[in-house]
Amino acid sequence: MKYPIGIQNFEKIRRDGYVYVDKTPWMWKMISEGSYYFLSRPRRFGKSLMVSTLEAFFSGQRELFKGLYADTVEWDWQQYPIFHLDLNVKKYETKADLEKVLNRHLELWEKTYESPYGERDLEERFLQVLRLAYEKTGRQVVILVDEYDKPLLQVIGNDTLQSEYRSTLKAFYGVLKSCDRYIKFAFLTGVTKFGKISVFSDLNNLIDISMLPQFTAVCGITEKELHTCFDEGIAELADANSLTKEETYERLRRDFDGYRFNEYINEGIYNPFSVLNTLSYKIFKDYWFETGMTNHIFRQMKSQNYSLDMVANEPLFYFQLHILEKGHDSIVQQLYQSGYLTIKEYDNEFKTFFLDFPNHIVKEGLENRYMNYIQH
């Protein structure tokens, strides 16, 4: 079996024969029931792959969906104008870095649709190129924004850059509200919601599916999907580690399961990056941690003399789980949004959530890395 380690391009996965867990039922649910969506998930959880899947679908590439749920739906399979903004491609150290990324995307779109407005402000250029795409093709446009909050996350603790980035992104994303007539579908992903960004405050028809029960499995791997799509690979993993298949399933459940994204669903979600790496290399290891950066959280924990034993005792309200506001963000809140904690209990009377580590590997990994950070 070929596992798509680090591959986030739907076309490459399908053409090159990699294992693919069919997430198109949830994709079609979005397309058929609404127009504007936002999804928050931790890093390496499949958000970028969903963006790529949507891009292939709206590009009319039906051959890529053969055998998948999306191939059974009624759809015209025409090509729509697509505006894919990927903010996960650069390290943002100055205001100019953000503007360069936005400008690079705009220049490409302006060339495609022959826009003469290249000398105007970023947000004005964005508005005009959406309009021109609609008028030149006769089709509404599709907007896909991957990791909309990456610039803001990279400068947590730098109030000056935070303010500059917020101002730039507020104006840029605000274009979506004024261009509703030109837009067929919009999908934005991120790790969290940042307050004072107008895409959330102004675009009131943006549906946040992050905690909706019907979209729990839109990213990640369910228990059923693990058995259906990976049973052959799990048998190989069992042999490589001198385990029975049942013992291997239990080990995977202990190490990588346990993520819950709402108060209604008891079944956990497996971390896909960890599962795919484990099946590929036949070694149980904390692969997900190796891609993470937690030092800014560790600095706060150390300065407040915060113990990881305290995480299960701090209740959070719904808005605290996803919205970051400067000066009001608890350590538990940040750990949840980063994927180190997940929902474990919900108090219906007081409408509060209680969090804990999703699984053994995350708990052990975070404890070891925090201790190592303190020692150094």
Protein backbone atom coordinates (compact mmCIF):
# COMPACT_ATOMS: atom_id res chain seq x y z
CA MET A 1 0.00 0.00 0.00
CA LYS A 2 1.20 3.51 -0.82
CA TYR A 3 0.65 6.05 1.94
CA PRO A 4 0.48 9.77 1.05
CA ILE A 5 3.01 11.01 3.62
CA GLY A 6 3.11 14.79 3.37
CA ILE A 7 1.11 14.75 0.11
CA GLN A 8 -1.75 17.23 0.25
CA ASN A 9 -2.62 17.30 -3.45
CA PHE A 10 -5.76 15.34 -4.29
CA GLU A 11 -4.84 14.88 -7.95
CA LYS A 12 -1.42 13.40 -7.12
CA ILE A 13 -2.93 11.02 -4.56
CA ARG A 14 -5.52 9.74 -7.01
CA ARG A 15 -3.34 9.53 -10.13
CA ASP A 16 -0.37 7.90 -8.37
CA GLY A 17 -2.38 5.26 -6.53
CA TYR A 18 -1.98 6.36 -2.94
CA VAL A 19 -4.47 5.28 -0.30
CA TYR A 20 -7.32 7.78 -0.08
CA VAL A 21 -10.04 7.90 2.57
CA ASP A 22 -13.16 9.11 0.79
CA LYS A 23 -14.10 12.46 2.31
CA THR A 24 -16.24 13.54 -0.64
CA PRO A 25 -19.58 12.86 1.17
CA TRP A 26 -18.78 15.79 3.49
CA MET A 27 -17.47 17.86 0.59
CA TRP A 28 -20.73 17.36 -1.30
CA LYS A 29 -22.77 18.14 1.80
CA MET A 30 -21.12 21.56 1.94
CA ILE A 31 -21.53 22.24 -1.77
CA SER A 32 -25.15 21.12 -1.96
CA GLU A 33 -26.35 22.85 1.22
CA GLY A 34 -24.53 26.19 1.35
CA SER A 35 -21.93 28.55 -0.09
CA TYR A 36 -19.61 29.91 2.62
CA TYR A 37 -17.74 27.69 5.08
CA PHE A 38 -14.97 27.81 7.66
CA LEU A 39 -13.17 24.78 9.13
CA SER A 40 -10.82 24.83 12.09
CA ARG A 41 -8.61 21.81 12.78
CA PRO A 42 -5.11 21.29 14.22
CA ARG A 43 -2.15 21.19 11.86
CA ARG A 44 -1.55 18.06 9.77
CA PHE A 45 -5.18 16.99 10.04
CA GLY A 46 -6.17 17.08 6.36
CA LYS A 47 -7.43 20.64 5.86
CA SER A 48 -5.16 21.29 2.88
CA LEU A 49 -6.20 18.02 1.25
CA MET A 50 -9.85 19.03 1.53
CA VAL A 51 -9.02 22.36 -0.14
CA SER A 52 -7.26 20.48 -2.95
CA THR A 53 -10.21 18.09 -3.31
CA LEU A 54 -12.60 21.02 -3.68
CA GLU A 55 -10.29 22.58 -6.27
CA ALA A 56 -10.30 19.39 -8.35
CA PHE A 57 -14.09 19.11 -8.07
CA PHE A 58 -14.77 22.68 -9.19
CA SER A 59 -12.19 22.23 -11.98
CA GLY A 60 -14.44 19.56 -13.47
CA GLN A 61 -11.90 16.72 -13.12
CA ARG A 62 -14.47 13.97 -12.82
CA GLU A 63 -11.98 11.22 -13.67
CA LEU A 64 -10.23 11.82 -10.35
CA PHE A 65 -13.42 11.00 -8.45
CA LYS A 66 -14.13 7.65 -10.08
CA GLY A 67 -15.22 5.19 -7.41
CA LEU A 68 -15.81 7.94 -4.84
CA TYR A 69 -19.09 9.26 -3.50
CA ALA A 70 -18.77 12.51 -5.47
CA ASP A 71 -18.96 10.58 -8.75
CA THR A 72 -22.55 9.54 -7.93
CA VAL A 73 -24.03 13.03 -7.41
CA GLU A 74 -25.83 15.20 -9.93
CA TRP A 75 -23.31 17.85 -11.00
CA ASP A 76 -22.48 19.65 -14.23
CA TRP A 77 -18.71 18.95 -13.94
CA GLN A 78 -17.89 22.29 -15.56
CA GLN A 79 -14.81 24.34 -14.77
CA TYR A 80 -15.36 27.31 -12.47
CA PRO A 81 -12.97 30.22 -11.93
CA ILE A 82 -10.97 29.21 -8.84
CA PHE A 83 -9.05 31.53 -6.53
CA HIS A 84 -6.84 29.40 -4.29
CA LEU A 85 -4.99 31.43 -1.66
CA ASP A 86 -2.42 29.34 0.24
CA LEU A 87 -0.93 31.17 3.21
CA ASN A 88 0.94 28.13 4.48
CA VAL A 89 3.92 28.68 2.18
CA LYS A 90 6.00 31.37 3.86
CA LYS A 91 7.50 32.50 7.12
CA TYR A 92 5.95 35.86 7.99
CA GLU A 93 8.52 38.03 9.77
CA THR A 94 7.54 41.47 8.46
CA LYS A 95 4.45 43.17 7.09
CA ALA A 96 6.13 43.10 3.68
CA ASP A 97 6.22 39.28 3.79
CA LEU A 98 2.43 39.09 4.02
CA GLU A 99 1.95 41.69 1.31
CA LYS A 100 4.34 39.82 -1.00
CA VAL A 101 2.35 36.60 -0.70
CA LEU A 102 -0.96 38.35 -1.35
CA ASN A 103 0.57 40.30 -4.24
CA ARG A 104 2.00 37.14 -5.82
CA HIS A 105 -1.42 35.50 -5.89
CA LEU A 106 -3.07 38.66 -7.18
CA GLU A 107 -0.57 39.07 -10.02
CA LEU A 108 -1.27 35.53 -11.21
CA TRP A 109 -5.04 36.05 -11.12
CA GLU A 110 -4.78 39.48 -12.77
CA LYS A 111 -2.77 38.02 -15.63
CA THR A 112 -5.32 35.24 -16.11
CA TYR A 113 -8.31 37.60 -16.23
CA GLU A 114 -6.52 40.62 -17.77
CA SER A 115 -7.18 42.95 -14.89
CA PRO A 116 -5.94 46.55 -15.37
CA TYR A 117 -6.16 47.39 -11.65
CA GLY A 118 -2.72 46.17 -10.56
CA GLU A 119 -1.67 49.52 -9.11
CA ARG A 120 -4.48 49.76 -6.57
CA ASP A 121 -4.63 48.56 -2.96
CA LEU A 122 -4.58 44.82 -2.34
CA GLU A 123 -8.23 44.55 -1.36
CA GLU A 124 -9.38 46.65 -4.34
CA ARG A 125 -7.37 44.46 -6.72
CA PHE A 126 -8.95 41.36 -5.19
CA LEU A 127 -12.46 42.75 -5.63
CA GLN A 128 -11.84 43.75 -9.25
CA VAL A 129 -10.33 40.43 -10.32
CA LEU A 130 -13.26 38.51 -8.81
CA ARG A 131 -15.63 40.73 -10.78
CA LEU A 132 -13.69 40.30 -14.01
CA ALA A 133 -13.52 36.52 -13.61
CA TYR A 134 -17.28 36.40 -13.22
CA GLU A 135 -17.91 38.68 -16.20
CA LYS A 136 -15.39 37.01 -18.55
CA THR A 137 -16.39 33.39 -17.83
CA GLY A 138 -20.08 33.85 -17.10
CA ARG A 139 -19.63 31.69 -14.00
CA GLN A 140 -19.51 32.55 -10.34
CA VAL A 141 -16.11 32.08 -8.72
CA VAL A 142 -14.83 29.63 -6.13
CA ILE A 143 -12.60 30.96 -3.32
CA LEU A 144 -10.38 28.56 -1.36
CA VAL A 145 -8.22 29.95 1.44
CA ASP A 146 -5.83 27.52 3.11
CA GLU A 147 -4.52 28.43 6.60
CA TYR A 148 -5.99 31.93 6.58
CA ASP A 149 -4.52 32.55 10.05
CA LYS A 150 -0.92 31.39 9.45
CA PRO A 151 0.56 34.93 9.47
CA LEU A 152 -1.20 35.75 12.75
CA LEU A 153 -0.14 32.53 14.45
CA GLN A 154 3.50 33.10 13.55
CA VAL A 155 3.67 36.46 15.34
CA ILE A 156 1.84 35.67 18.58
CA GLY A 157 3.55 37.81 21.19
CA ASN A 158 4.51 40.57 18.74
CA ASP A 159 1.73 43.11 19.22
CA THR A 160 2.96 45.44 16.48
CA LEU A 161 2.98 42.81 13.75
CA GLN A 162 -0.27 41.33 15.04
CA SER A 163 -1.94 44.70 14.59
CA GLU A 164 -0.49 45.20 11.09
CA TYR A 165 -1.43 41.70 9.93
CA ARG A 166 -4.95 42.02 11.32
CA SER A 167 -5.45 45.30 9.51
CA THR A 168 -4.25 43.89 6.18
CA LEU A 169 -6.25 40.67 6.42
CA LYS A 170 -9.38 42.41 7.69
CA ALA A 171 -9.52 44.51 4.53
CA PHE A 172 -8.58 41.63 2.22
CA TYR A 173 -11.03 39.06 3.56
CA GLY A 174 -13.71 41.72 3.86
CA VAL A 175 -13.96 41.68 0.07
CA LEU A 176 -15.95 38.45 0.31
CA LYS A 177 -18.89 40.30 1.81
CA SER A 178 -19.10 42.89 -0.97
CA CYS A 179 -18.64 40.30 -3.75
CA ASP A 180 -21.43 37.91 -2.83
CA ARG A 181 -23.04 38.11 -6.29
CA TYR A 182 -19.81 36.87 -7.90
CA ILE A 183 -19.16 33.96 -5.51
CA LYS A 184 -20.52 30.45 -5.90
CA PHE A 185 -18.58 28.83 -3.07
CA ALA A 186 -15.99 29.84 -0.47
CA PHE A 187 -14.07 27.61 1.92
CA LEU A 188 -11.57 28.89 4.47
CA THR A 189 -9.42 26.80 6.80
CA GLY A 190 -7.32 27.63 9.82
CA VAL A 191 -6.27 26.51 13.27
CA THR A 192 -8.35 29.10 15.09
CA LYS A 193 -10.56 32.13 14.76
CA PHE A 194 -8.88 35.45 15.43
CA GLY A 195 -11.12 38.16 16.78
CA LYS A 196 -11.49 41.44 14.92
CA ILE A 197 -11.09 39.81 11.49
CA SER A 198 -14.05 40.95 9.43
CA VAL A 199 -14.48 37.69 7.55
CA PHE A 200 -16.08 36.40 10.75
CA SER A 201 -17.69 39.55 12.10
CA ASP A 202 -19.09 40.88 8.81
CA LEU A 203 -19.68 37.79 6.69
CA ASN A 204 -22.56 36.50 8.79
CA ASN A 205 -23.50 33.79 6.30
CA LEU A 206 -20.13 32.04 6.81
CA ILE A 207 -20.94 28.64 8.34
CA ASP A 208 -18.40 27.43 10.88
CA ILE A 209 -18.50 23.63 10.59
CA SER A 210 -15.64 23.09 13.06
CA MET A 211 -17.89 21.84 15.87
CA LEU A 212 -20.97 20.66 13.96
CA PRO A 213 -21.67 16.95 14.64
CA GLN A 214 -22.47 16.23 10.99
CA PHE A 215 -18.96 17.35 10.00
CA THR A 216 -16.99 15.62 12.75
CA ALA A 217 -15.28 13.27 10.27
CA VAL A 218 -14.63 15.81 7.51
CA CYS A 219 -10.91 15.49 8.34
CA GLY A 220 -9.00 12.83 10.23
CA ILE A 221 -9.68 9.08 10.34
CA THR A 222 -12.61 7.38 12.05
CA GLU A 223 -12.54 3.91 13.58
CA LYS A 224 -14.62 2.60 10.68
CA GLU A 225 -12.30 4.19 8.10
CA LEU A 226 -9.26 2.70 9.85
CA HIS A 227 -10.70 -0.81 9.46
CA THR A 228 -12.10 -0.27 5.96
CA CYS A 229 -9.15 1.48 4.30
CA PHE A 230 -6.11 0.27 6.22
CA ASP A 231 -6.76 -3.29 7.40
CA GLU A 232 -4.12 -4.74 5.06
CA GLY A 233 -1.52 -2.24 6.22
CA ILE A 234 -2.37 -2.86 9.86
CA ALA A 235 -1.78 -6.58 9.37
CA GLU A 236 1.70 -5.72 8.04
CA LEU A 237 2.28 -3.37 10.98
CA ALA A 238 1.29 -6.16 13.37
CA ASP A 239 3.77 -8.59 11.81
CA ALA A 240 6.59 -6.02 11.91
CA ASN A 241 6.06 -5.45 15.65
CA SER A 242 5.31 -9.06 16.67
CA LEU A 243 1.75 -8.15 17.65
CA THR A 244 -1.62 -9.62 16.82
CA LYS A 245 -3.90 -7.55 14.62
CA GLU A 246 -6.19 -6.90 17.60
CA GLU A 247 -3.23 -5.72 19.69
CA THR A 248 -2.14 -3.43 16.85
CA TYR A 249 -5.57 -1.83 16.58
CA GLU A 250 -5.55 -1.27 20.33
CA ARG A 251 -2.06 0.28 20.18
CA LEU A 252 -3.14 2.64 17.39
CA ARG A 253 -6.22 3.57 19.41
CA ARG A 254 -4.15 4.27 22.51
CA ASP A 255 -1.53 6.34 20.69
CA PHE A 256 -3.41 8.27 18.00
CA ASP A 257 -7.17 8.20 18.64
CA GLY A 258 -9.23 10.37 20.96
CA TYR A 259 -9.80 13.69 19.18
CA ARG A 260 -13.31 15.09 19.68
CA PHE A 261 -14.44 18.30 18.07
CA ASN A 262 -17.90 18.74 19.62
CA GLU A 263 -19.85 17.81 22.72
CA TYR A 264 -22.19 15.35 21.02
CA ILE A 265 -20.02 12.66 19.41
CA ASN A 266 -18.37 10.12 21.69
CA GLU A 267 -16.38 8.39 18.96
CA GLY A 268 -12.88 9.76 18.63
CA ILE A 269 -10.97 10.78 15.51
CA TYR A 270 -7.49 9.46 14.74
CA ASN A 271 -4.66 11.83 13.90
CA PRO A 272 -4.15 11.02 10.17
CA PHE A 273 -0.53 12.17 9.98
CA SER A 274 0.51 9.86 12.81
CA VAL A 275 -1.45 6.90 11.47
CA LEU A 276 -0.07 7.19 7.92
CA ASN A 277 3.52 7.52 9.12
CA THR A 278 3.17 4.56 11.48
CA LEU A 279 1.74 2.34 8.74
CA SER A 280 4.39 3.46 6.27
CA TYR A 281 7.47 3.03 8.48
CA LYS A 282 6.06 0.19 10.67
CA ILE A 283 7.30 1.99 13.79
CA PHE A 284 5.15 3.47 16.58
CA LYS A 285 6.46 6.98 17.15
CA ASP A 286 5.27 10.53 17.89
CA TYR A 287 5.53 11.67 14.24
CA TRP A 288 3.05 14.52 14.68
CA PHE A 289 5.17 16.18 17.38
CA GLU A 290 8.19 16.32 15.12
CA THR A 291 6.36 18.79 12.86
CA GLY A 292 5.15 21.09 15.65
CA MET A 293 6.34 24.29 17.28
CA THR A 294 5.22 24.85 20.87
CA ASN A 295 7.89 27.14 22.35
CA HIS A 296 5.63 30.21 22.54
CA ILE A 297 3.16 28.20 24.64
CA PHE A 298 5.98 26.78 26.76
CA ARG A 299 7.23 30.29 27.46
CA GLN A 300 3.82 31.27 28.80
CA MET A 301 3.52 28.11 30.87
CA LYS A 302 6.93 28.67 32.44
CA SER A 303 6.27 32.34 33.18
CA GLN A 304 2.99 31.45 34.92
CA ASN A 305 4.43 28.40 36.69
CA TYR A 306 1.77 26.34 34.92
CA SER A 307 1.64 22.57 35.37
CA LEU A 308 0.24 20.22 32.73
CA ASP A 309 -1.69 18.53 35.55
CA MET A 310 -3.91 21.62 35.61
CA VAL A 311 -5.31 21.23 32.09
CA ALA A 312 -8.31 19.09 33.05
CA ASN A 313 -9.54 21.53 35.71
CA GLU A 314 -10.08 24.68 33.66
CA PRO A 315 -13.57 25.03 32.13
CA LEU A 316 -13.97 26.84 28.81
CA PHE A 317 -17.02 28.32 27.15
CA TYR A 318 -17.82 27.65 23.49
CA PHE A 319 -16.37 30.90 22.14
CA GLN A 320 -13.09 30.29 23.98
CA LEU A 321 -12.41 27.09 22.08
CA HIS A 322 -11.84 28.81 18.74
CA ILE A 323 -11.57 32.58 19.14
CA LEU A 324 -8.26 34.22 20.04
CA GLU A 325 -8.36 37.72 21.47
CA LYS A 326 -5.12 39.40 22.47
CA GLY A 327 -4.66 39.40 26.22
CA HIS A 328 -7.53 37.03 27.00
CA ASP A 329 -6.23 33.67 25.84
CA SER A 330 -5.64 30.94 28.41
CA ILE A 331 -2.92 28.33 28.07
CA VAL A 332 -5.55 25.58 27.93
CA GLN A 333 -7.28 27.41 25.08
CA GLN A 334 -4.06 27.60 23.08
CA LEU A 335 -3.21 23.96 23.73
CA TYR A 336 -6.65 22.95 22.45
CA GLN A 337 -6.36 25.02 19.30
CA SER A 338 -2.90 23.58 18.65
CA GLY A 339 -4.19 20.00 18.91
CA TYR A 340 -2.55 19.06 22.21
CA LEU A 341 -5.87 18.93 24.04
CA THR A 342 -9.33 17.86 22.98
CA ILE A 343 -12.89 17.87 24.35
CA LYS A 344 -13.45 15.22 27.01
CA GLU A 345 -16.53 16.39 28.93
CA TYR A 346 -19.32 18.91 28.56
CA ASP A 347 -21.39 20.43 31.37
CA ASN A 348 -24.79 21.08 29.83
CA GLU A 349 -26.03 23.07 32.85
CA PHE A 350 -23.22 25.63 32.76
CA LYS A 351 -22.47 25.24 29.01
CA THR A 352 -18.78 24.64 29.66
CA PHE A 353 -16.24 22.30 28.12
CA PHE A 354 -13.53 20.36 29.93
CA LEU A 355 -10.46 19.32 28.01
CA ASP A 356 -7.76 16.68 28.33
CA PHE A 357 -5.05 15.02 26.27
CA PRO A 358 -6.54 13.12 23.33
CA ASN A 359 -4.28 10.10 23.72
CA HIS A 360 -1.19 8.59 25.31
CA ILE A 361 1.32 9.75 22.72
CA VAL A 362 0.28 13.42 22.93
CA LYS A 363 0.34 13.44 26.73
CA GLU A 364 3.73 11.77 26.92
CA GLY A 365 5.19 13.89 24.11
CA LEU A 366 4.06 17.20 25.54
CA GLU A 367 5.26 16.35 29.03
CA ASN A 368 8.70 15.29 27.77
CA ARG A 369 9.14 18.33 25.57
CA TYR A 370 8.02 20.76 28.24
CA MET A 371 10.45 19.22 30.72
CA ASN A 372 13.22 19.42 28.16
CA TYR A 373 12.35 23.08 27.47
CA ILE A 374 12.56 23.94 31.18
CA GLN A 375 15.86 22.12 31.62
CA HIS A 376 17.42 24.10 28.77
